[in-house]
Amino acid sequence: STAGQLDIDCLATTIARLETDLDAMRARA
């Protein structure tokens, strides 16, 4: 029942994080 726009938002936010934060993840590591 949770399928819908919020489901898409989850993927959108994950894509955004991989586009912008992956290098910072390495710095934190």
All heavy atoms as atom14 arrays in JSON, in Angstrom:
{
  "sequence": "STAGQLDIDCLATTIARLETDLDAMRARA",
  "atom14_mask": [
    [1, 1, 1, 1, 1, 1, 0, 0, 0, 0, 0, 0, 0, 0],
    [1, 1, 1, 1, 1, 1, 1, 0, 0, 0, 0, 0, 0, 0],
    [1, 1, 1, 1, 1, 0, 0, 0, 0, 0, 0, 0, 0, 0],
    [1, 1, 1, 1, 0, 0, 0, 0, 0, 0, 0, 0, 0, 0],
    [1, 1, 1, 1, 1, 1, 1, 1, 1, 0, 0, 0, 0, 0],
    [1, 1, 1, 1, 1, 1, 1, 1, 0, 0, 0, 0, 0, 0],
    [1, 1, 1, 1, 1, 1, 1, 1, 0, 0, 0, 0, 0, 0],
    [1, 1, 1, 1, 1, 1, 1, 1, 0, 0, 0, 0, 0, 0],
    [1, 1, 1, 1, 1, 1, 1, 1, 0, 0, 0, 0, 0, 0],
    [1, 1, 1, 1, 1, 1, 0, 0, 0, 0, 0, 0, 0, 0],
    [1, 1, 1, 1, 1, 1, 1, 1, 0, 0, 0, 0, 0, 0],
    [1, 1, 1, 1, 1, 0, 0, 0, 0, 0, 0, 0, 0, 0],
    [1, 1, 1, 1, 1, 1, 1, 0, 0, 0, 0, 0, 0, 0],
    [1, 1, 1, 1, 1, 1, 1, 0, 0, 0, 0, 0, 0, 0],
    [1, 1, 1, 1, 1, 1, 1, 1, 0, 0, 0, 0, 0, 0],
    [1, 1, 1, 1, 1, 0, 0, 0, 0, 0, 0, 0, 0, 0],
    [1, 1, 1, 1, 1, 1, 1, 1, 1, 1, 1, 0, 0, 0],
    [1, 1, 1, 1, 1, 1, 1, 1, 0, 0, 0, 0, 0, 0],
    [1, 1, 1, 1, 1, 1, 1, 1, 1, 0, 0, 0, 0, 0],
    [1, 1, 1, 1, 1, 1, 1, 0, 0, 0, 0, 0, 0, 0],
    [1, 1, 1, 1, 1, 1, 1, 1, 0, 0, 0, 0, 0, 0],
    [1, 1, 1, 1, 1, 1, 1, 1, 0, 0, 0, 0, 0, 0],
    [1, 1, 1, 1, 1, 1, 1, 1, 0, 0, 0, 0, 0, 0],
    [1, 1, 1, 1, 1, 0, 0, 0, 0, 0, 0, 0, 0, 0],
    [1, 1, 1, 1, 1, 1, 1, 1, 0, 0, 0, 0, 0, 0],
    [1, 1, 1, 1, 1, 1, 1, 1, 1, 1, 1, 0, 0, 0],
    [1, 1, 1, 1, 1, 0, 0, 0, 0, 0, 0, 0, 0, 0],
    [1, 1, 1, 1, 1, 1, 1, 1, 1, 1, 1, 0, 0, 0],
    [1, 1, 1, 1, 1, 0, 0, 0, 0, 0, 0, 0, 0, 0]
  ],
  "atom14_positions": [
    [[0.81, -1.22, 0.0], [0.0, 0.0, 0.0], [0.84, 1.27, 0.0], [0.32, 2.36, -0.24], [-0.93, 0.01, 1.21], [-0.22, 0.39, 2.4], [0.0, 0.0, 0.0], [0.0, 0.0, 0.0], [0.0, 0.0, 0.0], [0.0, 0.0, 0.0], [0.0, 0.0, 0.0], [0.0, 0.0, 0.0], [0.0, 0.0, 0.0], [0.0, 0.0, 0.0]],
    [[2.15, 1.15, 0.28], [2.99, 2.35, 0.37], [3.56, 2.77, -0.99], [4.28, 3.75, -1.08], [4.16, 2.12, 1.34], [5.01, 1.09, 0.84], [3.67, 1.75, 2.73], [0.0, 0.0, 0.0], [0.0, 0.0, 0.0], [0.0, 0.0, 0.0], [0.0, 0.0, 0.0], [0.0, 0.0, 0.0], [0.0, 0.0, 0.0], [0.0, 0.0, 0.0]],
    [[3.26, 2.0, -2.05], [3.75, 2.39, -3.38], [3.14, 3.73, -3.77], [1.99, 4.03, -3.48], [3.38, 1.32, -4.4], [0.0, 0.0, 0.0], [0.0, 0.0, 0.0], [0.0, 0.0, 0.0], [0.0, 0.0, 0.0], [0.0, 0.0, 0.0], [0.0, 0.0, 0.0], [0.0, 0.0, 0.0], [0.0, 0.0, 0.0], [0.0, 0.0, 0.0]],
    [[3.94, 4.55, -4.45], [3.44, 5.86, -4.87], [4.56, 6.88, -4.9], [5.75, 6.53, -5.0], [0.0, 0.0, 0.0], [0.0, 0.0, 0.0], [0.0, 0.0, 0.0], [0.0, 0.0, 0.0], [0.0, 0.0, 0.0], [0.0, 0.0, 0.0], [0.0, 0.0, 0.0], [0.0, 0.0, 0.0], [0.0, 0.0, 0.0], [0.0, 0.0, 0.0]],
    [[4.22, 8.16, -4.76], [5.21, 9.23, -4.91], [6.28, 9.17, -3.83], [7.45, 9.43, -4.1], [4.51, 10.59, -4.87], [5.45, 11.77, -5.11], [6.19, 11.68, -6.43], [5.58, 11.41, -7.46], [7.5, 11.89, -6.41], [0.0, 0.0, 0.0], [0.0, 0.0, 0.0], [0.0, 0.0, 0.0], [0.0, 0.0, 0.0], [0.0, 0.0, 0.0]],
    [[5.91, 8.83, -2.59], [6.91, 8.76, -1.53], [7.93, 7.66, -1.81], [9.1, 7.77, -1.46], [6.23, 8.53, -0.17], [5.4, 9.69, 0.36], [4.68, 9.29, 1.65], [6.26, 10.92, 0.59], [0.0, 0.0, 0.0], [0.0, 0.0, 0.0], [0.0, 0.0, 0.0], [0.0, 0.0, 0.0], [0.0, 0.0, 0.0], [0.0, 0.0, 0.0]],
    [[7.49, 6.59, -2.43], [8.37, 5.52, -2.85], [9.4, 6.05, -3.86], [10.6, 5.76, -3.77], [7.51, 4.42, -3.5], [8.12, 3.04, -3.39], [8.56, 2.67, -2.29], [8.16, 2.33, -4.41], [0.0, 0.0, 0.0], [0.0, 0.0, 0.0], [0.0, 0.0, 0.0], [0.0, 0.0, 0.0], [0.0, 0.0, 0.0], [0.0, 0.0, 0.0]],
    [[8.93, 6.85, -4.8], [9.81, 7.47, -5.79], [10.75, 8.46, -5.13], [11.94, 8.56, -5.47], [8.97, 8.14, -6.9], [8.21, 7.08, -7.69], [9.85, 8.98, -7.82], [7.18, 7.65, -8.65], [0.0, 0.0, 0.0], [0.0, 0.0, 0.0], [0.0, 0.0, 0.0], [0.0, 0.0, 0.0], [0.0, 0.0, 0.0], [0.0, 0.0, 0.0]],
    [[10.24, 9.22, -4.14], [11.07, 10.19, -3.42], [12.27, 9.51, -2.76], [13.36, 10.09, -2.68], [10.25, 10.92, -2.36], [9.24, 11.89, -2.96], [9.36, 12.19, -4.17], [8.34, 12.33, -2.22], [0.0, 0.0, 0.0], [0.0, 0.0, 0.0], [0.0, 0.0, 0.0], [0.0, 0.0, 0.0], [0.0, 0.0, 0.0], [0.0, 0.0, 0.0]],
    [[12.06, 8.29, -2.26], [13.15, 7.55, -1.62], [14.29, 7.31, -2.62], [15.46, 7.55, -2.31], [12.64, 6.22, -1.08], [13.92, 5.07, -0.54], [0.0, 0.0, 0.0], [0.0, 0.0, 0.0], [0.0, 0.0, 0.0], [0.0, 0.0, 0.0], [0.0, 0.0, 0.0], [0.0, 0.0, 0.0], [0.0, 0.0, 0.0], [0.0, 0.0, 0.0]],
    [[13.95, 6.87, -3.82], [14.98, 6.64, -4.84], [15.61, 7.96, -5.27], [16.83, 8.04, -5.45], [14.37, 5.91, -6.04], [15.33, 5.64, -7.21], [16.57, 4.87, -6.77], [14.61, 4.89, -8.33], [0.0, 0.0, 0.0], [0.0, 0.0, 0.0], [0.0, 0.0, 0.0], [0.0, 0.0, 0.0], [0.0, 0.0, 0.0], [0.0, 0.0, 0.0]],
    [[14.8, 9.0, -5.41], [15.33, 10.31, -5.82], [16.35, 10.83, -4.82], [17.41, 11.35, -5.19], [14.18, 11.31, -5.98], [0.0, 0.0, 0.0], [0.0, 0.0, 0.0], [0.0, 0.0, 0.0], [0.0, 0.0, 0.0], [0.0, 0.0, 0.0], [0.0, 0.0, 0.0], [0.0, 0.0, 0.0], [0.0, 0.0, 0.0], [0.0, 0.0, 0.0]],
    [[16.06, 10.69, -3.53], [16.96, 11.18, -2.5], [18.23, 10.34, -2.45], [19.32, 10.85, -2.2], [16.26, 11.16, -1.13], [14.99, 11.78, -1.25], [17.08, 11.93, -0.1], [0.0, 0.0, 0.0], [0.0, 0.0, 0.0], [0.0, 0.0, 0.0], [0.0, 0.0, 0.0], [0.0, 0.0, 0.0], [0.0, 0.0, 0.0], [0.0, 0.0, 0.0]],
    [[18.1, 9.04, -2.69], [19.28, 8.17, -2.72], [20.18, 8.53, -3.9], [21.41, 8.61, -3.77], [18.84, 6.7, -2.82], [18.0, 6.39, -1.71], [20.04, 5.77, -2.83], [0.0, 0.0, 0.0], [0.0, 0.0, 0.0], [0.0, 0.0, 0.0], [0.0, 0.0, 0.0], [0.0, 0.0, 0.0], [0.0, 0.0, 0.0], [0.0, 0.0, 0.0]],
    [[19.58, 8.78, -5.05], [20.35, 9.21, -6.22], [21.08, 10.52, -5.92], [22.27, 10.68, -6.21], [19.42, 9.36, -7.45], [18.97, 7.98, -7.94], [20.1, 10.14, -8.57], [17.89, 8.03, -9.01], [0.0, 0.0, 0.0], [0.0, 0.0, 0.0], [0.0, 0.0, 0.0], [0.0, 0.0, 0.0], [0.0, 0.0, 0.0], [0.0, 0.0, 0.0]],
    [[20.36, 11.47, -5.31], [20.97, 12.75, -4.99], [22.15, 12.59, -4.04], [23.18, 13.25, -4.2], [19.92, 13.68, -4.36], [0.0, 0.0, 0.0], [0.0, 0.0, 0.0], [0.0, 0.0, 0.0], [0.0, 0.0, 0.0], [0.0, 0.0, 0.0], [0.0, 0.0, 0.0], [0.0, 0.0, 0.0], [0.0, 0.0, 0.0], [0.0, 0.0, 0.0]],
    [[22.02, 11.69, -3.08], [23.12, 11.51, -2.14], [24.34, 10.9, -2.84], [25.47, 11.3, -2.58], [22.7, 10.63, -0.96], [23.81, 10.6, 0.09], [23.46, 9.89, 1.36], [24.57, 10.05, 2.28], [24.76, 9.29, 3.34], [23.92, 8.31, 3.61], [25.8, 9.49, 4.12], [0.0, 0.0, 0.0], [0.0, 0.0, 0.0], [0.0, 0.0, 0.0]],
    [[24.12, 9.96, -3.72], [25.25, 9.35, -4.42], [25.9, 10.34, -5.38], [27.1, 10.26, -5.65], [24.79, 8.1, -5.17], [24.38, 6.92, -4.28], [23.86, 5.77, -5.13], [25.54, 6.46, -3.4], [0.0, 0.0, 0.0], [0.0, 0.0, 0.0], [0.0, 0.0, 0.0], [0.0, 0.0, 0.0], [0.0, 0.0, 0.0], [0.0, 0.0, 0.0]],
    [[25.11, 11.28, -5.9], [25.66, 12.3, -6.79], [26.48, 13.34, -6.04], [27.4, 13.94, -6.6], [24.53, 13.01, -7.54], [23.84, 12.16, -8.58], [22.58, 12.81, -9.13], [21.99, 13.67, -8.43], [22.17, 12.45, -10.24], [0.0, 0.0, 0.0], [0.0, 0.0, 0.0], [0.0, 0.0, 0.0], [0.0, 0.0, 0.0], [0.0, 0.0, 0.0]],
    [[26.16, 13.58, -4.77], [26.75, 14.72, -4.07], [27.58, 14.36, -2.83], [28.41, 15.16, -2.4], [25.64, 15.69, -3.6], [24.76, 15.0, -2.7], [24.85, 16.2, -4.8], [0.0, 0.0, 0.0], [0.0, 0.0, 0.0], [0.0, 0.0, 0.0], [0.0, 0.0, 0.0], [0.0, 0.0, 0.0], [0.0, 0.0, 0.0], [0.0, 0.0, 0.0]],
    [[27.36, 13.18, -2.25], [27.94, 12.91, -0.93], [28.91, 11.74, -0.89], [29.51, 11.47, 0.14], [26.8, 12.67, 0.08], [27.3, 12.65, 1.52], [27.96, 13.62, 1.94], [27.06, 11.64, 2.21], [0.0, 0.0, 0.0], [0.0, 0.0, 0.0], [0.0, 0.0, 0.0], [0.0, 0.0, 0.0], [0.0, 0.0, 0.0], [0.0, 0.0, 0.0]],
    [[29.12, 11.05, -2.0], [29.93, 9.84, -1.97], [31.37, 10.13, -1.56], [31.97, 9.39, -0.79], [29.89, 9.15, -3.33], [30.2, 7.66, -3.37], [29.39, 6.88, -2.35], [29.95, 7.1, -4.77], [0.0, 0.0, 0.0], [0.0, 0.0, 0.0], [0.0, 0.0, 0.0], [0.0, 0.0, 0.0], [0.0, 0.0, 0.0], [0.0, 0.0, 0.0]],
    [[31.92, 11.24, -2.06], [33.29, 11.57, -1.68], [33.36, 11.95, -0.2], [34.32, 11.61, 0.49], [33.82, 12.72, -2.55], [35.34, 12.75, -2.58], [35.95, 11.7, -2.87], [35.91, 13.81, -2.3], [0.0, 0.0, 0.0], [0.0, 0.0, 0.0], [0.0, 0.0, 0.0], [0.0, 0.0, 0.0], [0.0, 0.0, 0.0], [0.0, 0.0, 0.0]],
    [[32.34, 12.64, 0.3], [32.31, 12.99, 1.73], [32.18, 11.74, 2.6], [32.71, 11.69, 3.71], [31.16, 13.95, 2.02], [0.0, 0.0, 0.0], [0.0, 0.0, 0.0], [0.0, 0.0, 0.0], [0.0, 0.0, 0.0], [0.0, 0.0, 0.0], [0.0, 0.0, 0.0], [0.0, 0.0, 0.0], [0.0, 0.0, 0.0], [0.0, 0.0, 0.0]],
    [[31.48, 10.71, 2.09], [31.42, 9.44, 2.82], [32.81, 8.86, 2.99], [33.15, 8.33, 4.05], [30.54, 8.44, 2.07], [29.06, 8.68, 2.16], [28.19, 7.28, 1.39], [26.94, 8.13, 0.47], [0.0, 0.0, 0.0], [0.0, 0.0, 0.0], [0.0, 0.0, 0.0], [0.0, 0.0, 0.0], [0.0, 0.0, 0.0], [0.0, 0.0, 0.0]],
    [[33.61, 8.93, 1.94], [34.97, 8.42, 2.01], [35.79, 9.24, 3.01], [36.59, 8.7, 3.77], [35.62, 8.45, 0.62], [35.02, 7.43, -0.33], [35.28, 7.76, -1.79], [36.68, 7.65, -2.15], [37.23, 6.57, -2.7], [36.49, 5.5, -2.94], [38.51, 6.55, -3.03], [0.0, 0.0, 0.0], [0.0, 0.0, 0.0], [0.0, 0.0, 0.0]],
    [[35.55, 10.56, 3.02], [36.27, 11.42, 3.98], [35.87, 11.07, 5.41], [36.71, 11.05, 6.32], [35.98, 12.89, 3.68], [0.0, 0.0, 0.0], [0.0, 0.0, 0.0], [0.0, 0.0, 0.0], [0.0, 0.0, 0.0], [0.0, 0.0, 0.0], [0.0, 0.0, 0.0], [0.0, 0.0, 0.0], [0.0, 0.0, 0.0], [0.0, 0.0, 0.0]],
    [[34.57, 10.8, 5.63], [34.13, 10.4, 6.98], [34.74, 9.05, 7.36], [35.14, 8.85, 8.51], [32.6, 10.32, 7.03], [31.91, 11.66, 7.18], [30.44, 11.5, 7.48], [29.71, 10.98, 6.35], [29.19, 11.73, 5.38], [29.35, 13.04, 5.41], [28.54, 11.18, 4.38], [0.0, 0.0, 0.0], [0.0, 0.0, 0.0], [0.0, 0.0, 0.0]],
    [[34.77, 8.13, 6.42], [35.36, 6.82, 6.69], [36.83, 6.97, 7.08], [37.32, 6.34, 8.03], [35.23, 5.91, 5.46], [0.0, 0.0, 0.0], [0.0, 0.0, 0.0], [0.0, 0.0, 0.0], [0.0, 0.0, 0.0], [0.0, 0.0, 0.0], [0.0, 0.0, 0.0], [0.0, 0.0, 0.0], [0.0, 0.0, 0.0], [0.0, 0.0, 0.0]]
  ]
}
